[in-house]
Amino acid sequence: VQLQASGGGLVQAGGSLRLSCVAPRRITSVFSAYDMGWYRQAPGSQRELVAGISSGGTINYADSVKGRFTISRDNSRKMVYLQMNKLEPEDTAVYYCKATCDSDDYWGQGTLVTVSS
């Protein structure tokens, strides 16, 4: 059971991408109760939190993406989004979405974002 992430691709530095992630059927009826997050993992690096949005709407960002990335969710569509602007080569990574509620964790399969200089 995985979330389905999409929207990655190749973009030049300074460009934009919008990632989307849809919840698996198992949690759609309770999606609004889940905290959602976007993580990324660059080659040779550990997976890191990029942005998170709680079930109550509290948002947090990694310092490296503040002012450039925006996370949002649409509970009616069971989706979470990551709008990425002013992309930099350092943003190149596989991006994963995650849903968390109590002891339940669900991950997406990852979508590759490549930013060329």
Protein backbone atom coordinates (compact mmCIF):
# COMPACT_ATOMS: atom_id res chain seq x y z
CA VAL A 1 0.00 0.00 0.00
CA GLN A 2 1.66 3.16 -1.17
CA LEU A 3 0.87 6.74 -1.87
CA GLN A 4 1.21 7.63 -5.54
CA ALA A 5 3.56 10.53 -6.19
CA SER A 6 3.94 12.26 -9.52
CA GLY A 7 5.14 15.47 -11.13
CA GLY A 8 8.88 15.04 -11.13
CA GLY A 9 11.06 15.69 -14.14
CA LEU A 10 13.97 17.61 -15.57
CA VAL A 11 13.98 21.37 -15.20
CA GLN A 12 16.51 24.13 -15.53
CA ALA A 13 17.70 26.08 -12.53
CA GLY A 14 15.21 28.79 -11.69
CA GLY A 15 12.31 26.76 -13.00
CA SER A 16 9.30 25.29 -11.26
CA LEU A 17 7.66 21.93 -10.73
CA ARG A 18 4.57 20.82 -8.88
CA LEU A 19 4.56 17.45 -7.21
CA SER A 20 1.34 15.66 -6.37
CA CYS A 21 0.61 12.72 -4.13
CA VAL A 22 -2.65 10.82 -3.77
CA ALA A 23 -3.51 8.74 -0.74
CA PRO A 24 -4.07 5.00 -1.02
CA ARG A 25 -7.64 3.78 -0.87
CA ARG A 26 -7.04 2.28 2.56
CA ILE A 27 -6.83 5.71 4.19
CA THR A 28 -8.99 7.89 1.97
CA SER A 29 -11.89 7.91 4.42
CA VAL A 30 -9.63 9.22 7.19
CA PHE A 31 -7.14 11.16 5.08
CA SER A 32 -7.80 14.41 6.92
CA ALA A 33 -6.49 12.83 10.13
CA TYR A 34 -3.08 12.17 8.62
CA ASP A 35 -0.06 14.40 8.82
CA MET A 36 1.49 14.66 5.38
CA GLY A 37 5.07 15.32 4.39
CA TRP A 38 7.41 15.55 1.46
CA TYR A 39 10.88 14.13 1.85
CA ARG A 40 13.79 13.91 -0.54
CA GLN A 41 16.88 11.82 -0.92
CA ALA A 42 19.81 12.83 -3.04
CA PRO A 43 22.43 10.28 -4.15
CA GLY A 44 24.74 9.47 -1.28
CA SER A 45 22.63 11.39 1.21
CA GLN A 46 20.09 10.52 3.86
CA ARG A 47 16.42 11.11 3.32
CA GLU A 48 15.41 14.48 4.69
CA LEU A 49 12.16 16.26 5.42
CA VAL A 50 11.43 19.01 2.92
CA ALA A 51 7.99 20.15 4.05
CA GLY A 52 5.21 18.94 6.27
CA ILE A 53 1.57 19.81 6.81
CA SER A 54 -0.27 18.46 9.80
CA SER A 55 -3.84 17.28 9.96
CA GLY A 56 -4.63 20.63 11.57
CA GLY A 57 -2.89 22.60 8.84
CA THR A 58 0.34 23.48 10.61
CA ILE A 59 3.14 23.79 8.07
CA ASN A 60 6.87 23.54 8.41
CA TYR A 61 9.71 23.69 5.91
CA ALA A 62 13.36 22.81 5.78
CA ASP A 63 15.45 25.96 5.92
CA SER A 64 16.88 25.21 2.49
CA VAL A 65 13.48 25.49 0.79
CA LYS A 66 11.77 28.25 2.76
CA GLY A 67 10.43 30.94 0.48
CA ARG A 68 10.71 28.69 -2.58
CA PHE A 69 8.54 25.64 -1.87
CA THR A 70 4.89 25.53 -0.80
CA ILE A 71 3.12 22.49 0.58
CA SER A 72 -0.65 22.21 0.50
CA ARG A 73 -3.31 19.58 0.86
CA ASP A 74 -6.79 19.00 -0.48
CA ASN A 75 -8.64 16.72 1.88
CA SER A 76 -11.60 16.40 -0.47
CA ARG A 77 -9.32 15.00 -3.18
CA LYS A 78 -7.11 13.07 -0.70
CA MET A 79 -4.06 14.76 -2.13
CA VAL A 80 -1.01 16.68 -1.03
CA TYR A 81 1.04 18.97 -3.25
CA LEU A 82 4.48 20.50 -3.27
CA GLN A 83 4.91 23.58 -5.42
CA MET A 84 8.61 24.09 -6.06
CA ASN A 85 9.80 27.41 -7.44
CA LYS A 86 13.25 28.85 -8.07
CA LEU A 87 14.67 25.35 -8.25
CA GLU A 88 18.37 24.90 -7.72
CA PRO A 89 20.70 22.07 -8.74
CA GLU A 90 20.94 21.22 -5.04
CA ASP A 91 17.24 20.32 -5.11
CA THR A 92 17.99 17.34 -7.34
CA ALA A 93 16.73 14.25 -5.55
CA VAL A 94 14.05 11.61 -5.43
CA TYR A 95 11.06 13.12 -3.67
CA TYR A 96 8.78 11.00 -1.52
CA CYS A 97 5.47 11.76 0.14
CA LYS A 98 4.53 10.30 3.47
CA ALA A 99 1.33 9.98 5.43
CA THR A 100 1.47 9.53 9.19
CA CYS A 101 -1.21 8.97 11.78
CA ASP A 102 -0.29 7.57 15.19
CA SER A 103 1.67 4.41 14.39
CA ASP A 104 0.59 4.25 10.75
CA ASP A 105 3.13 5.32 8.13
CA TYR A 106 2.64 5.19 4.38
CA TRP A 107 5.24 6.17 1.83
CA GLY A 108 5.01 7.00 -1.83
CA GLN A 109 7.20 5.33 -4.42
CA GLY A 110 9.20 8.49 -5.12
CA THR A 111 9.43 10.81 -8.06
CA LEU A 112 12.72 12.04 -9.48
CA VAL A 113 13.43 15.75 -9.72
CA THR A 114 16.51 16.78 -11.67
CA VAL A 115 17.57 20.42 -11.82
CA SER A 116 20.19 21.31 -14.38
CA SER A 117 22.50 24.28 -13.97
